[in-house]
Amino acid sequence: MIAFIQNLNANEASQVLSNLLSDNPDLTKKAYEIAKKVATDLDVDAIMDEVFCELDNLDLDDLNGRAGRTRYGYVEPSDAAWEIFEEALNPFIDEMKKNQQRKLPSAAKAYCIGIIKGLRKYEETSSSDFKEWVTDAPGDFVYSVIGDWKEGNPSDDDIAEVMIVAEGDDQE
């Protein structure tokens, strides 16, 4: 029985949970607490590594498919590279914003810091050929991510902590 449940896809599992909660309203509070714990139990270094890997896996084939002549005109390679870079970051930024909407400031901050660290790691250690097309992007996106995160009205202490990470002064 357990193996069957564990092998459900996300949509099926969601349906099972919805049905279970509608049939057993007393489980709603417990499900909420578990969901909140799962959503806030984040590893900043794991987020950093995911961001880094996503960016580091961008390659010139991605760029060549978008740059140059198109039926709509000419696309500058540097413009296409920045667009691809931003698209790679968007899922992480979206997750940060989703945590803000959920009123989970610590999870949003963890995502913000993880993204910043991933950008810095890419900037400092990536040997990807793609990186040559977006040399300023990591630094620029650090402050763009912080701007997006600040829209969630974080505390002054959280802002100070994130700025220390952004400026590379964290002592980890």
C-alpha atoms as a PDB file:
ATOM      1  CA  MET A   1       0.000   0.000   0.000  1.00  0.00           C
ATOM      2  CA  ILE A   2       2.725   2.482   0.984  1.00  0.00           C
ATOM      3  CA  ALA A   3       4.729   1.757  -2.179  1.00  0.00           C
ATOM      4  CA  PHE A   4       1.656   2.482  -4.305  1.00  0.00           C
ATOM      5  CA  ILE A   5       1.068   5.826  -2.585  1.00  0.00           C
ATOM      6  CA  GLN A   6       4.743   6.769  -2.822  1.00  0.00           C
ATOM      7  CA  ASN A   7       4.670   6.164  -6.571  1.00  0.00           C
ATOM      8  CA  LEU A   8       1.844   8.625  -7.256  1.00  0.00           C
ATOM      9  CA  ASN A   9       2.743  11.562  -9.458  1.00  0.00           C
ATOM     10  CA  ALA A  10       2.369  15.095  -8.080  1.00  0.00           C
ATOM     11  CA  ASN A  11      -1.128  15.579  -9.537  1.00  0.00           C
ATOM     12  CA  GLU A  12      -2.376  12.267  -8.172  1.00  0.00           C
ATOM     13  CA  ALA A  13      -0.856  12.934  -4.738  1.00  0.00           C
ATOM     14  CA  SER A  14      -2.500  16.357  -4.698  1.00  0.00           C
ATOM     15  CA  GLN A  15      -5.871  14.794  -5.478  1.00  0.00           C
ATOM     16  CA  VAL A  16      -5.436  12.210  -2.732  1.00  0.00           C
ATOM     17  CA  LEU A  17      -4.534  14.926  -0.217  1.00  0.00           C
ATOM     18  CA  SER A  18      -7.500  17.075  -1.263  1.00  0.00           C
ATOM     19  CA  ASN A  19      -9.901  14.168  -0.907  1.00  0.00           C
ATOM     20  CA  LEU A  20      -8.384  13.101   2.403  1.00  0.00           C
ATOM     21  CA  LEU A  21      -8.691  16.617   3.840  1.00  0.00           C
ATOM     22  CA  SER A  22     -12.234  17.157   2.588  1.00  0.00           C
ATOM     23  CA  ASP A  23     -13.295  13.803   4.100  1.00  0.00           C
ATOM     24  CA  ASN A  24     -11.381  14.478   7.357  1.00  0.00           C
ATOM     25  CA  PRO A  25     -11.435  18.233   8.154  1.00  0.00           C
ATOM     26  CA  ASP A  26      -9.749  17.561  11.508  1.00  0.00           C
ATOM     27  CA  LEU A  27      -6.566  16.656   9.571  1.00  0.00           C
ATOM     28  CA  THR A  28      -6.361  20.093   7.942  1.00  0.00           C
ATOM     29  CA  LYS A  29      -4.427  21.702  10.784  1.00  0.00           C
ATOM     30  CA  LYS A  30      -1.944  18.834  10.918  1.00  0.00           C
ATOM     31  CA  ALA A  31      -1.504  18.921   7.125  1.00  0.00           C
ATOM     32  CA  TYR A  32      -0.943  22.683   7.304  1.00  0.00           C
ATOM     33  CA  GLU A  33       1.761  22.268   9.959  1.00  0.00           C
ATOM     34  CA  ILE A  34       3.514  19.558   7.958  1.00  0.00           C
ATOM     35  CA  ALA A  35       3.296  21.617   4.752  1.00  0.00           C
ATOM     36  CA  LYS A  36       4.664  24.683   6.524  1.00  0.00           C
ATOM     37  CA  LYS A  37       7.585  22.664   7.911  1.00  0.00           C
ATOM     38  CA  VAL A  38       8.377  21.216   4.477  1.00  0.00           C
ATOM     39  CA  ALA A  39       8.189  24.670   2.876  1.00  0.00           C
ATOM     40  CA  THR A  40      10.484  26.268   5.463  1.00  0.00           C
ATOM     41  CA  ASP A  41      13.015  23.470   5.894  1.00  0.00           C
ATOM     42  CA  LEU A  42      15.397  24.828   3.274  1.00  0.00           C
ATOM     43  CA  ASP A  43      19.120  24.379   2.802  1.00  0.00           C
ATOM     44  CA  VAL A  44      20.699  27.599   1.493  1.00  0.00           C
ATOM     45  CA  ASP A  45      23.728  25.695   0.180  1.00  0.00           C
ATOM     46  CA  ALA A  46      21.493  23.282  -1.726  1.00  0.00           C
ATOM     47  CA  ILE A  47      19.704  26.253  -3.329  1.00  0.00           C
ATOM     48  CA  MET A  48      23.107  27.786  -4.145  1.00  0.00           C
ATOM     49  CA  ASP A  49      24.230  24.547  -5.806  1.00  0.00           C
ATOM     50  CA  GLU A  50      20.995  24.261  -7.810  1.00  0.00           C
ATOM     51  CA  VAL A  51      21.332  27.850  -9.054  1.00  0.00           C
ATOM     52  CA  PHE A  52      24.992  27.307  -9.916  1.00  0.00           C
ATOM     53  CA  CYS A  53      24.290  24.061 -11.787  1.00  0.00           C
ATOM     54  CA  GLU A  54      21.410  25.587 -13.714  1.00  0.00           C
ATOM     55  CA  LEU A  55      23.590  28.505 -14.823  1.00  0.00           C
ATOM     56  CA  ASP A  56      26.712  26.437 -15.388  1.00  0.00           C
ATOM     57  CA  ASN A  57      24.787  24.079 -17.681  1.00  0.00           C
ATOM     58  CA  LEU A  58      23.902  26.887 -20.069  1.00  0.00           C
ATOM     59  CA  ASP A  59      25.937  26.458 -23.224  1.00  0.00           C
ATOM     60  CA  LEU A  60      26.619  28.036 -26.552  1.00  0.00           C
ATOM     61  CA  ASP A  61      24.080  25.786 -28.277  1.00  0.00           C
ATOM     62  CA  ASP A  62      21.386  27.545 -26.214  1.00  0.00           C
ATOM     63  CA  LEU A  63      22.754  30.870 -27.404  1.00  0.00           C
ATOM     64  CA  ASN A  64      23.216  29.865 -31.038  1.00  0.00           C
ATOM     65  CA  GLY A  65      19.599  28.782 -31.211  1.00  0.00           C
ATOM     66  CA  ARG A  66      18.404  32.269 -30.273  1.00  0.00           C
ATOM     67  CA  ALA A  67      20.977  34.717 -31.607  1.00  0.00           C
ATOM     68  CA  GLY A  68      21.562  35.971 -35.105  1.00  0.00           C
ATOM     69  CA  ARG A  69      19.129  36.241 -37.957  1.00  0.00           C
ATOM     70  CA  THR A  70      15.562  35.241 -37.308  1.00  0.00           C
ATOM     71  CA  ARG A  71      12.460  35.697 -39.394  1.00  0.00           C
ATOM     72  CA  TYR A  72      11.657  38.663 -37.150  1.00  0.00           C
ATOM     73  CA  GLY A  73      15.005  40.406 -37.595  1.00  0.00           C
ATOM     74  CA  TYR A  74      18.393  40.166 -35.950  1.00  0.00           C
ATOM     75  CA  VAL A  75      18.917  39.226 -32.296  1.00  0.00           C
ATOM     76  CA  GLU A  76      22.181  40.344 -30.735  1.00  0.00           C
ATOM     77  CA  PRO A  77      23.997  37.393 -29.121  1.00  0.00           C
ATOM     78  CA  SER A  78      24.581  39.331 -25.900  1.00  0.00           C
ATOM     79  CA  ASP A  79      20.857  40.155 -25.652  1.00  0.00           C
ATOM     80  CA  ALA A  80      19.942  36.526 -26.223  1.00  0.00           C
ATOM     81  CA  ALA A  81      22.514  35.395 -23.631  1.00  0.00           C
ATOM     82  CA  TRP A  82      21.107  37.721 -20.969  1.00  0.00           C
ATOM     83  CA  GLU A  83      17.583  36.512 -21.748  1.00  0.00           C
ATOM     84  CA  ILE A  84      18.646  32.862 -21.417  1.00  0.00           C
ATOM     85  CA  PHE A  85      20.476  33.636 -18.167  1.00  0.00           C
ATOM     86  CA  GLU A  86      17.398  35.344 -16.742  1.00  0.00           C
ATOM     87  CA  GLU A  87      15.137  32.471 -17.794  1.00  0.00           C
ATOM     88  CA  ALA A  88      17.421  30.043 -15.941  1.00  0.00           C
ATOM     89  CA  LEU A  89      17.095  32.129 -12.759  1.00  0.00           C
ATOM     90  CA  ASN A  90      13.352  32.721 -12.961  1.00  0.00           C
ATOM     91  CA  PRO A  91      12.196  29.467 -11.296  1.00  0.00           C
ATOM     92  CA  PHE A  92      14.297  30.277  -8.226  1.00  0.00           C
ATOM     93  CA  ILE A  93      13.052  33.859  -8.098  1.00  0.00           C
ATOM     94  CA  ASP A  94       9.486  32.600  -8.515  1.00  0.00           C
ATOM     95  CA  GLU A  95       9.968  30.231  -5.568  1.00  0.00           C
ATOM     96  CA  MET A  96      11.314  33.121  -3.459  1.00  0.00           C
ATOM     97  CA  LYS A  97       8.265  35.215  -4.340  1.00  0.00           C
ATOM     98  CA  LYS A  98       5.914  32.305  -3.685  1.00  0.00           C
ATOM     99  CA  ASN A  99       7.328  32.061  -0.167  1.00  0.00           C
ATOM    100  CA  GLN A 100       6.710  35.778   0.309  1.00  0.00           C
ATOM    101  CA  GLN A 101       3.101  35.319  -0.786  1.00  0.00           C
ATOM    102  CA  ARG A 102       2.770  32.427   1.641  1.00  0.00           C
ATOM    103  CA  LYS A 103       3.938  34.766   4.427  1.00  0.00           C
ATOM    104  CA  LEU A 104       7.080  32.681   4.995  1.00  0.00           C
ATOM    105  CA  PRO A 105       9.770  35.354   5.311  1.00  0.00           C
ATOM    106  CA  SER A 106      12.501  32.983   6.486  1.00  0.00           C
ATOM    107  CA  ALA A 107      11.964  30.729   3.450  1.00  0.00           C
ATOM    108  CA  ALA A 108      11.964  33.740   1.116  1.00  0.00           C
ATOM    109  CA  LYS A 109      15.200  34.961   2.715  1.00  0.00           C
ATOM    110  CA  ALA A 110      16.758  31.498   2.372  1.00  0.00           C
ATOM    111  CA  TYR A 111      15.922  31.504  -1.337  1.00  0.00           C
ATOM    112  CA  CYS A 112      17.278  35.026  -1.755  1.00  0.00           C
ATOM    113  CA  ILE A 113      20.559  34.110  -0.065  1.00  0.00           C
ATOM    114  CA  GLY A 114      20.790  30.822  -1.976  1.00  0.00           C
ATOM    115  CA  ILE A 115      20.274  32.607  -5.291  1.00  0.00           C
ATOM    116  CA  ILE A 116      22.873  35.242  -4.420  1.00  0.00           C
ATOM    117  CA  LYS A 117      25.396  32.604  -3.399  1.00  0.00           C
ATOM    118  CA  GLY A 118      24.685  30.626  -6.575  1.00  0.00           C
ATOM    119  CA  LEU A 119      25.246  33.724  -8.687  1.00  0.00           C
ATOM    120  CA  ARG A 120      28.506  34.485  -6.864  1.00  0.00           C
ATOM    121  CA  LYS A 121      29.687  30.885  -7.212  1.00  0.00           C
ATOM    122  CA  TYR A 122      28.948  31.012 -10.947  1.00  0.00           C
ATOM    123  CA  GLU A 123      30.744  34.330 -11.264  1.00  0.00           C
ATOM    124  CA  GLU A 124      33.821  33.056  -9.412  1.00  0.00           C
ATOM    125  CA  THR A 125      34.144  29.409 -10.455  1.00  0.00           C
ATOM    126  CA  SER A 126      32.311  28.674 -13.690  1.00  0.00           C
ATOM    127  CA  SER A 127      34.464  27.856 -16.692  1.00  0.00           C
ATOM    128  CA  SER A 128      31.488  27.714 -19.040  1.00  0.00           C
ATOM    129  CA  ASP A 129      31.947  29.246 -22.491  1.00  0.00           C
ATOM    130  CA  PHE A 130      28.480  30.733 -22.089  1.00  0.00           C
ATOM    131  CA  LYS A 131      29.744  32.821 -19.163  1.00  0.00           C
ATOM    132  CA  GLU A 132      31.788  34.959 -21.565  1.00  0.00           C
ATOM    133  CA  TRP A 133      28.520  36.298 -22.987  1.00  0.00           C
ATOM    134  CA  VAL A 134      27.115  37.331 -19.591  1.00  0.00           C
ATOM    135  CA  THR A 135      30.161  38.551 -17.679  1.00  0.00           C
ATOM    136  CA  ASP A 136      28.246  41.286 -15.832  1.00  0.00           C
ATOM    137  CA  ALA A 137      25.004  39.344 -15.389  1.00  0.00           C
ATOM    138  CA  PRO A 138      25.780  37.583 -12.094  1.00  0.00           C
ATOM    139  CA  GLY A 139      26.590  40.834 -10.291  1.00  0.00           C
ATOM    140  CA  ASP A 140      23.686  42.684 -11.859  1.00  0.00           C
ATOM    141  CA  PHE A 141      21.225  39.941 -11.029  1.00  0.00           C
ATOM    142  CA  VAL A 142      22.341  39.848  -7.385  1.00  0.00           C
ATOM    143  CA  TYR A 143      20.879  43.312  -6.904  1.00  0.00           C
ATOM    144  CA  SER A 144      17.854  42.553  -9.061  1.00  0.00           C
ATOM    145  CA  VAL A 145      17.056  39.524  -6.866  1.00  0.00           C
ATOM    146  CA  ILE A 146      17.491  41.634  -3.729  1.00  0.00           C
ATOM    147  CA  GLY A 147      15.122  44.241  -5.181  1.00  0.00           C
ATOM    148  CA  ASP A 148      12.505  41.571  -5.861  1.00  0.00           C
ATOM    149  CA  TRP A 149      12.960  40.143  -2.361  1.00  0.00           C
ATOM    150  CA  LYS A 150      12.646  43.574  -0.727  1.00  0.00           C
ATOM    151  CA  GLU A 151       9.193  43.951  -2.302  1.00  0.00           C
ATOM    152  CA  GLY A 152       8.087  41.420   0.319  1.00  0.00           C
ATOM    153  CA  ASN A 153       8.900  43.955   3.072  1.00  0.00           C
ATOM    154  CA  PRO A 154      11.557  41.999   4.969  1.00  0.00           C
ATOM    155  CA  SER A 155      12.767  43.182   8.359  1.00  0.00           C
ATOM    156  CA  ASP A 156      15.734  45.532   8.662  1.00  0.00           C
ATOM    157  CA  ASP A 157      17.742  42.725  10.285  1.00  0.00           C
ATOM    158  CA  ASP A 158      17.003  40.392   7.372  1.00  0.00           C
ATOM    159  CA  ILE A 159      17.973  43.088   4.874  1.00  0.00           C
ATOM    160  CA  ALA A 160      21.259  43.639   6.698  1.00  0.00           C
ATOM    161  CA  GLU A 161      21.963  39.886   6.659  1.00  0.00           C
ATOM    162  CA  VAL A 162      21.230  39.581   2.940  1.00  0.00           C
ATOM    163  CA  MET A 163      23.367  42.626   2.130  1.00  0.00           C
ATOM    164  CA  ILE A 164      26.319  41.086   3.976  1.00  0.00           C
ATOM    165  CA  VAL A 165      25.980  37.994   1.777  1.00  0.00           C
ATOM    166  CA  ALA A 166      25.536  40.125  -1.362  1.00  0.00           C
ATOM    167  CA  GLU A 167      28.679  42.089  -0.643  1.00  0.00           C
ATOM    168  CA  GLY A 168      30.620  38.904  -0.016  1.00  0.00           C
ATOM    169  CA  ASP A 169      31.309  39.616   3.645  1.00  0.00           C
ATOM    170  CA  ASP A 170      29.599  36.542   5.093  1.00  0.00           C
ATOM    171  CA  GLN A 171      31.933  34.369   7.130  1.00  0.00           C
ATOM    172  CA  GLU A 172      30.978  30.837   6.118  1.00  0.00           C
END
